[in-house]
Amino acid sequence: MDDDVDELYAAIKDYLTLISREQLDEADSRRWTDIISLTINLEHAGDIIERIVGDIEEKKIAHRLSFSEEGLGELDDLQARLVSNLQLGLSVFLNSDLRCAERLLAEKERFRDLERAYSYRHLDRLAGQTLRSIETSALHLDLISDMKRLNSLFCSTAYPVLDAAGALHDTRLRKRALDIMHVKE
């Protein structure tokens, strides 16, 4: 299916490059950028998913390994959240709904927090010498990391909507730097 995604991406990109951005008004130019960004992100997501499937085949199925019950539950939870965030992200892209964009960004943060918590839980299972966790550790942690990357790609549709509404905050890094400067004063 990744080949189909690649073909669709190429067709959309080719079509968009035929459109002269100089002839577009500001709103249409922003939408052009939003469309190309979405297609790039979905193509990249397809590549990640293709690699994930290959890794599962190579590292888990071929060796007849299985995740611990807890680990599988965590991966199932993240996968369900991914699907939900993809659906919400596509809705945000189609409708430019500010409330949905805010919700999507909140979901991105929840996902990040879960990714971190699930990684720590996995490491706790390793420390407890859980055999299934030991056997699938690298794959488990790679899957969690890859799902986080996918989630970021799916949630990126929120940013143009939030930016257009003036709802984006300074980055945490910049805010922290400003906070440090205020403390020094």
C-alpha atoms as a PDB file:
ATOM      1  CA  MET A   1       0.000   0.000   0.000  1.00  0.00           C
ATOM      2  CA  ASP A   2       2.956   2.344   0.512  1.00  0.00           C
ATOM      3  CA  ASP A   3       3.489   2.313  -3.251  1.00  0.00           C
ATOM      4  CA  ASP A   4      -0.106   3.542  -3.686  1.00  0.00           C
ATOM      5  CA  VAL A   5       0.498   6.309  -1.139  1.00  0.00           C
ATOM      6  CA  ASP A   6       3.704   7.277  -2.955  1.00  0.00           C
ATOM      7  CA  GLU A   7       1.841   7.453  -6.294  1.00  0.00           C
ATOM      8  CA  LEU A   8      -0.917   9.607  -4.799  1.00  0.00           C
ATOM      9  CA  TYR A   9       1.651  11.883  -3.190  1.00  0.00           C
ATOM     10  CA  ALA A  10       3.487  12.305  -6.497  1.00  0.00           C
ATOM     11  CA  ALA A  11       0.226  13.049  -8.343  1.00  0.00           C
ATOM     12  CA  ILE A  12      -0.857  15.672  -5.794  1.00  0.00           C
ATOM     13  CA  LYS A  13       2.590  17.249  -5.739  1.00  0.00           C
ATOM     14  CA  ASP A  14       2.691  17.348  -9.560  1.00  0.00           C
ATOM     15  CA  TYR A  15      -0.768  18.927  -9.678  1.00  0.00           C
ATOM     16  CA  LEU A  16       0.091  21.550  -7.074  1.00  0.00           C
ATOM     17  CA  THR A  17       3.313  22.503  -8.835  1.00  0.00           C
ATOM     18  CA  LEU A  18       1.238  23.351 -11.917  1.00  0.00           C
ATOM     19  CA  ILE A  19      -0.550  26.038  -9.907  1.00  0.00           C
ATOM     20  CA  SER A  20       1.249  29.362  -9.886  1.00  0.00           C
ATOM     21  CA  ARG A  21       1.350  30.504  -6.253  1.00  0.00           C
ATOM     22  CA  GLU A  22       1.900  34.083  -7.409  1.00  0.00           C
ATOM     23  CA  GLN A  23      -1.594  34.076  -8.894  1.00  0.00           C
ATOM     24  CA  LEU A  24      -3.179  32.870  -5.630  1.00  0.00           C
ATOM     25  CA  ASP A  25      -4.532  35.206  -3.004  1.00  0.00           C
ATOM     26  CA  GLU A  26      -3.175  34.901   0.550  1.00  0.00           C
ATOM     27  CA  ALA A  27      -5.848  32.438   1.735  1.00  0.00           C
ATOM     28  CA  ASP A  28      -5.429  30.164  -1.287  1.00  0.00           C
ATOM     29  CA  SER A  29      -1.651  30.316  -0.965  1.00  0.00           C
ATOM     30  CA  ARG A  30      -1.907  29.221   2.690  1.00  0.00           C
ATOM     31  CA  ARG A  31      -4.246  26.396   1.670  1.00  0.00           C
ATOM     32  CA  TRP A  32      -1.793  25.332  -1.052  1.00  0.00           C
ATOM     33  CA  THR A  33       0.896  25.111   1.625  1.00  0.00           C
ATOM     34  CA  ASP A  34      -1.444  23.202   3.956  1.00  0.00           C
ATOM     35  CA  ILE A  35      -2.250  20.675   1.225  1.00  0.00           C
ATOM     36  CA  ILE A  36       1.365  20.032   0.283  1.00  0.00           C
ATOM     37  CA  SER A  37       2.326  19.760   3.966  1.00  0.00           C
ATOM     38  CA  LEU A  38      -0.426  17.216   4.607  1.00  0.00           C
ATOM     39  CA  THR A  39       0.544  15.106   1.595  1.00  0.00           C
ATOM     40  CA  ILE A  40       4.229  15.170   2.581  1.00  0.00           C
ATOM     41  CA  ASN A  41       3.333  14.125   6.124  1.00  0.00           C
ATOM     42  CA  LEU A  42       1.032  11.320   4.968  1.00  0.00           C
ATOM     43  CA  GLU A  43       3.691  10.033   2.578  1.00  0.00           C
ATOM     44  CA  HIS A  44       6.228  10.087   5.389  1.00  0.00           C
ATOM     45  CA  ALA A  45       3.740   8.307   7.662  1.00  0.00           C
ATOM     46  CA  GLY A  46       3.335   5.624   5.000  1.00  0.00           C
ATOM     47  CA  ASP A  47       7.096   5.096   4.966  1.00  0.00           C
ATOM     48  CA  ILE A  48       7.174   4.784   8.766  1.00  0.00           C
ATOM     49  CA  ILE A  49       4.281   2.322   8.777  1.00  0.00           C
ATOM     50  CA  GLU A  50       5.931   0.242   6.045  1.00  0.00           C
ATOM     51  CA  ARG A  51       9.099   0.052   8.160  1.00  0.00           C
ATOM     52  CA  ILE A  52       7.099  -0.809  11.289  1.00  0.00           C
ATOM     53  CA  VAL A  53       5.407  -3.716   9.528  1.00  0.00           C
ATOM     54  CA  GLY A  54       8.762  -4.950   8.260  1.00  0.00           C
ATOM     55  CA  ASP A  55      10.277  -4.705  11.745  1.00  0.00           C
ATOM     56  CA  ILE A  56       7.387  -6.634  13.284  1.00  0.00           C
ATOM     57  CA  GLU A  57       7.780  -9.350  10.656  1.00  0.00           C
ATOM     58  CA  GLU A  58      11.541  -9.540  11.023  1.00  0.00           C
ATOM     59  CA  LYS A  59      11.920  -9.164  14.781  1.00  0.00           C
ATOM     60  CA  LYS A  60       8.733 -10.606  16.223  1.00  0.00           C
ATOM     61  CA  ILE A  61       6.800 -12.887  13.901  1.00  0.00           C
ATOM     62  CA  ALA A  62       9.808 -14.617  12.330  1.00  0.00           C
ATOM     63  CA  HIS A  63      11.152 -15.428  15.804  1.00  0.00           C
ATOM     64  CA  ARG A  64       7.721 -16.335  17.209  1.00  0.00           C
ATOM     65  CA  LEU A  65       8.022 -13.761  19.976  1.00  0.00           C
ATOM     66  CA  SER A  66       5.144 -12.045  21.696  1.00  0.00           C
ATOM     67  CA  PHE A  67       4.809  -8.918  23.762  1.00  0.00           C
ATOM     68  CA  SER A  68       3.941  -9.085  27.433  1.00  0.00           C
ATOM     69  CA  GLU A  69       0.247  -8.558  28.157  1.00  0.00           C
ATOM     70  CA  GLU A  70       0.988  -5.143  29.632  1.00  0.00           C
ATOM     71  CA  GLY A  71       3.206  -4.147  26.717  1.00  0.00           C
ATOM     72  CA  LEU A  72       0.661  -5.265  24.143  1.00  0.00           C
ATOM     73  CA  GLY A  73      -2.041  -3.327  25.993  1.00  0.00           C
ATOM     74  CA  GLU A  74       0.093  -0.190  25.876  1.00  0.00           C
ATOM     75  CA  LEU A  75       0.771  -0.611  22.152  1.00  0.00           C
ATOM     76  CA  ASP A  76      -2.935  -1.223  21.498  1.00  0.00           C
ATOM     77  CA  ASP A  77      -3.795   1.947  23.422  1.00  0.00           C
ATOM     78  CA  LEU A  78      -1.300   4.031  21.448  1.00  0.00           C
ATOM     79  CA  GLN A  79      -2.505   2.551  18.154  1.00  0.00           C
ATOM     80  CA  ALA A  80      -6.146   3.396  18.968  1.00  0.00           C
ATOM     81  CA  ARG A  81      -5.108   6.945  19.878  1.00  0.00           C
ATOM     82  CA  LEU A  82      -3.166   7.198  16.612  1.00  0.00           C
ATOM     83  CA  VAL A  83      -6.212   6.270  14.571  1.00  0.00           C
ATOM     84  CA  SER A  84      -8.352   8.722  16.517  1.00  0.00           C
ATOM     85  CA  ASN A  85      -5.808  11.526  16.109  1.00  0.00           C
ATOM     86  CA  LEU A  86      -5.470  10.801  12.393  1.00  0.00           C
ATOM     87  CA  GLN A  87      -9.243  11.093  12.014  1.00  0.00           C
ATOM     88  CA  LEU A  88      -9.343  14.282  14.071  1.00  0.00           C
ATOM     89  CA  GLY A  89      -6.359  15.683  12.156  1.00  0.00           C
ATOM     90  CA  LEU A  90      -8.055  15.065   8.816  1.00  0.00           C
ATOM     91  CA  SER A  91     -11.212  16.711  10.146  1.00  0.00           C
ATOM     92  CA  VAL A  92      -9.179  19.735  11.243  1.00  0.00           C
ATOM     93  CA  PHE A  93      -7.572  19.862   7.793  1.00  0.00           C
ATOM     94  CA  LEU A  94     -10.932  19.712   6.000  1.00  0.00           C
ATOM     95  CA  ASN A  95     -12.901  22.047   8.274  1.00  0.00           C
ATOM     96  CA  SER A  96     -10.275  24.358   9.823  1.00  0.00           C
ATOM     97  CA  ASP A  97     -12.186  24.085  13.097  1.00  0.00           C
ATOM     98  CA  LEU A  98     -10.352  25.940  15.874  1.00  0.00           C
ATOM     99  CA  ARG A  99     -11.838  23.910  18.752  1.00  0.00           C
ATOM    100  CA  CYS A 100     -10.915  20.642  17.051  1.00  0.00           C
ATOM    101  CA  ALA A 101      -7.404  21.987  16.379  1.00  0.00           C
ATOM    102  CA  GLU A 102      -7.041  22.854  20.072  1.00  0.00           C
ATOM    103  CA  ARG A 103      -8.315  19.397  21.018  1.00  0.00           C
ATOM    104  CA  LEU A 104      -5.874  17.786  18.592  1.00  0.00           C
ATOM    105  CA  LEU A 105      -2.943  19.656  20.118  1.00  0.00           C
ATOM    106  CA  ALA A 106      -4.094  18.581  23.590  1.00  0.00           C
ATOM    107  CA  GLU A 107      -4.264  14.977  22.329  1.00  0.00           C
ATOM    108  CA  LYS A 108      -0.727  15.330  20.981  1.00  0.00           C
ATOM    109  CA  GLU A 109       0.470  16.312  24.452  1.00  0.00           C
ATOM    110  CA  ARG A 110      -1.443  13.411  26.071  1.00  0.00           C
ATOM    111  CA  PHE A 111       0.130  11.031  23.565  1.00  0.00           C
ATOM    112  CA  ARG A 112       3.613  12.364  24.376  1.00  0.00           C
ATOM    113  CA  ASP A 113       2.959  11.882  28.095  1.00  0.00           C
ATOM    114  CA  LEU A 114       1.716   8.324  27.508  1.00  0.00           C
ATOM    115  CA  GLU A 115       4.702   7.536  25.293  1.00  0.00           C
ATOM    116  CA  ARG A 116       7.005   8.558  28.097  1.00  0.00           C
ATOM    117  CA  ALA A 117       5.011   6.680  30.763  1.00  0.00           C
ATOM    118  CA  TYR A 118       4.798   3.513  28.652  1.00  0.00           C
ATOM    119  CA  SER A 119       8.532   3.608  27.957  1.00  0.00           C
ATOM    120  CA  TYR A 120       9.235   3.842  31.700  1.00  0.00           C
ATOM    121  CA  ARG A 121       6.800   1.007  32.426  1.00  0.00           C
ATOM    122  CA  HIS A 122       8.561  -1.111  29.841  1.00  0.00           C
ATOM    123  CA  LEU A 123      11.905  -0.404  31.496  1.00  0.00           C
ATOM    124  CA  ASP A 124      10.357  -1.401  34.839  1.00  0.00           C
ATOM    125  CA  ARG A 125       9.286  -4.715  33.302  1.00  0.00           C
ATOM    126  CA  LEU A 126      12.845  -5.200  32.040  1.00  0.00           C
ATOM    127  CA  ALA A 127      14.209  -4.545  35.513  1.00  0.00           C
ATOM    128  CA  GLY A 128      11.716  -7.126  36.797  1.00  0.00           C
ATOM    129  CA  GLN A 129      13.172  -9.633  34.319  1.00  0.00           C
ATOM    130  CA  THR A 130       9.883 -10.173  32.470  1.00  0.00           C
ATOM    131  CA  LEU A 131      11.001 -12.614  29.744  1.00  0.00           C
ATOM    132  CA  ARG A 132       8.600 -11.406  27.042  1.00  0.00           C
ATOM    133  CA  SER A 133       9.641  -7.808  27.696  1.00  0.00           C
ATOM    134  CA  ILE A 134      13.313  -8.735  27.464  1.00  0.00           C
ATOM    135  CA  GLU A 135      12.799 -10.614  24.177  1.00  0.00           C
ATOM    136  CA  THR A 136      10.837  -7.802  22.526  1.00  0.00           C
ATOM    137  CA  SER A 137      12.426  -4.793  24.214  1.00  0.00           C
ATOM    138  CA  ALA A 138      14.060  -3.123  21.217  1.00  0.00           C
ATOM    139  CA  LEU A 139      10.985  -3.636  19.049  1.00  0.00           C
ATOM    140  CA  HIS A 140       8.645  -2.414  21.793  1.00  0.00           C
ATOM    141  CA  LEU A 141      10.603   0.796  22.367  1.00  0.00           C
ATOM    142  CA  ASP A 142      11.008   1.363  18.612  1.00  0.00           C
ATOM    143  CA  LEU A 143       7.257   0.967  18.109  1.00  0.00           C
ATOM    144  CA  ILE A 144       6.473   3.465  20.843  1.00  0.00           C
ATOM    145  CA  SER A 145       8.937   5.945  19.350  1.00  0.00           C
ATOM    146  CA  ASP A 146       7.609   5.425  15.813  1.00  0.00           C
ATOM    147  CA  MET A 147       4.038   5.873  17.014  1.00  0.00           C
ATOM    148  CA  LYS A 148       5.028   9.166  18.626  1.00  0.00           C
ATOM    149  CA  ARG A 149       6.488  10.306  15.294  1.00  0.00           C
ATOM    150  CA  LEU A 150       3.333   9.244  13.471  1.00  0.00           C
ATOM    151  CA  ASN A 151       1.205  11.083  15.989  1.00  0.00           C
ATOM    152  CA  SER A 152       3.219  14.259  15.460  1.00  0.00           C
ATOM    153  CA  LEU A 153       2.677  13.982  11.715  1.00  0.00           C
ATOM    154  CA  PHE A 154      -1.064  13.419  12.168  1.00  0.00           C
ATOM    155  CA  CYS A 155      -1.421  16.303  14.629  1.00  0.00           C
ATOM    156  CA  SER A 156       0.482  18.796  12.491  1.00  0.00           C
ATOM    157  CA  THR A 157      -2.744  19.874  10.773  1.00  0.00           C
ATOM    158  CA  ALA A 158      -3.629  21.775  13.951  1.00  0.00           C
ATOM    159  CA  TYR A 159      -0.805  24.297  13.603  1.00  0.00           C
ATOM    160  CA  PRO A 160      -1.997  26.245  10.531  1.00  0.00           C
ATOM    161  CA  VAL A 161      -5.484  26.576  12.040  1.00  0.00           C
ATOM    162  CA  LEU A 162      -4.110  27.685  15.402  1.00  0.00           C
ATOM    163  CA  ASP A 163      -1.641  30.043  13.723  1.00  0.00           C
ATOM    164  CA  ALA A 164      -4.369  31.660  11.602  1.00  0.00           C
ATOM    165  CA  ALA A 165      -6.417  32.220  14.775  1.00  0.00           C
ATOM    166  CA  GLY A 166      -3.415  33.696  16.610  1.00  0.00           C
ATOM    167  CA  ALA A 167      -3.728  30.901  19.174  1.00  0.00           C
ATOM    168  CA  LEU A 168      -0.166  29.571  19.118  1.00  0.00           C
ATOM    169  CA  HIS A 169       2.045  30.207  22.112  1.00  0.00           C
ATOM    170  CA  ASP A 170       5.776  30.769  22.140  1.00  0.00           C
ATOM    171  CA  THR A 171       7.727  27.550  22.209  1.00  0.00           C
ATOM    172  CA  ARG A 172       8.480  26.097  25.601  1.00  0.00           C
ATOM    173  CA  LEU A 173      12.178  26.620  24.957  1.00  0.00           C
ATOM    174  CA  ARG A 174      11.735  30.308  24.267  1.00  0.00           C
ATOM    175  CA  LYS A 175       9.347  30.702  27.198  1.00  0.00           C
ATOM    176  CA  ARG A 176      11.859  29.015  29.481  1.00  0.00           C
ATOM    177  CA  ALA A 177      14.620  31.322  28.234  1.00  0.00           C
ATOM    178  CA  LEU A 178      12.397  34.326  28.929  1.00  0.00           C
ATOM    179  CA  ASP A 179      11.550  32.987  32.391  1.00  0.00           C
ATOM    180  CA  ILE A 180      15.259  32.570  33.175  1.00  0.00           C
ATOM    181  CA  MET A 181      15.934  36.127  32.023  1.00  0.00           C
ATOM    182  CA  HIS A 182      13.187  37.444  34.324  1.00  0.00           C
ATOM    183  CA  VAL A 183      14.598  35.510  37.281  1.00  0.00           C
ATOM    184  CA  LYS A 184      18.053  37.024  36.697  1.00  0.00           C
ATOM    185  CA  GLU A 185      16.610  40.544  36.710  1.00  0.00           C
END
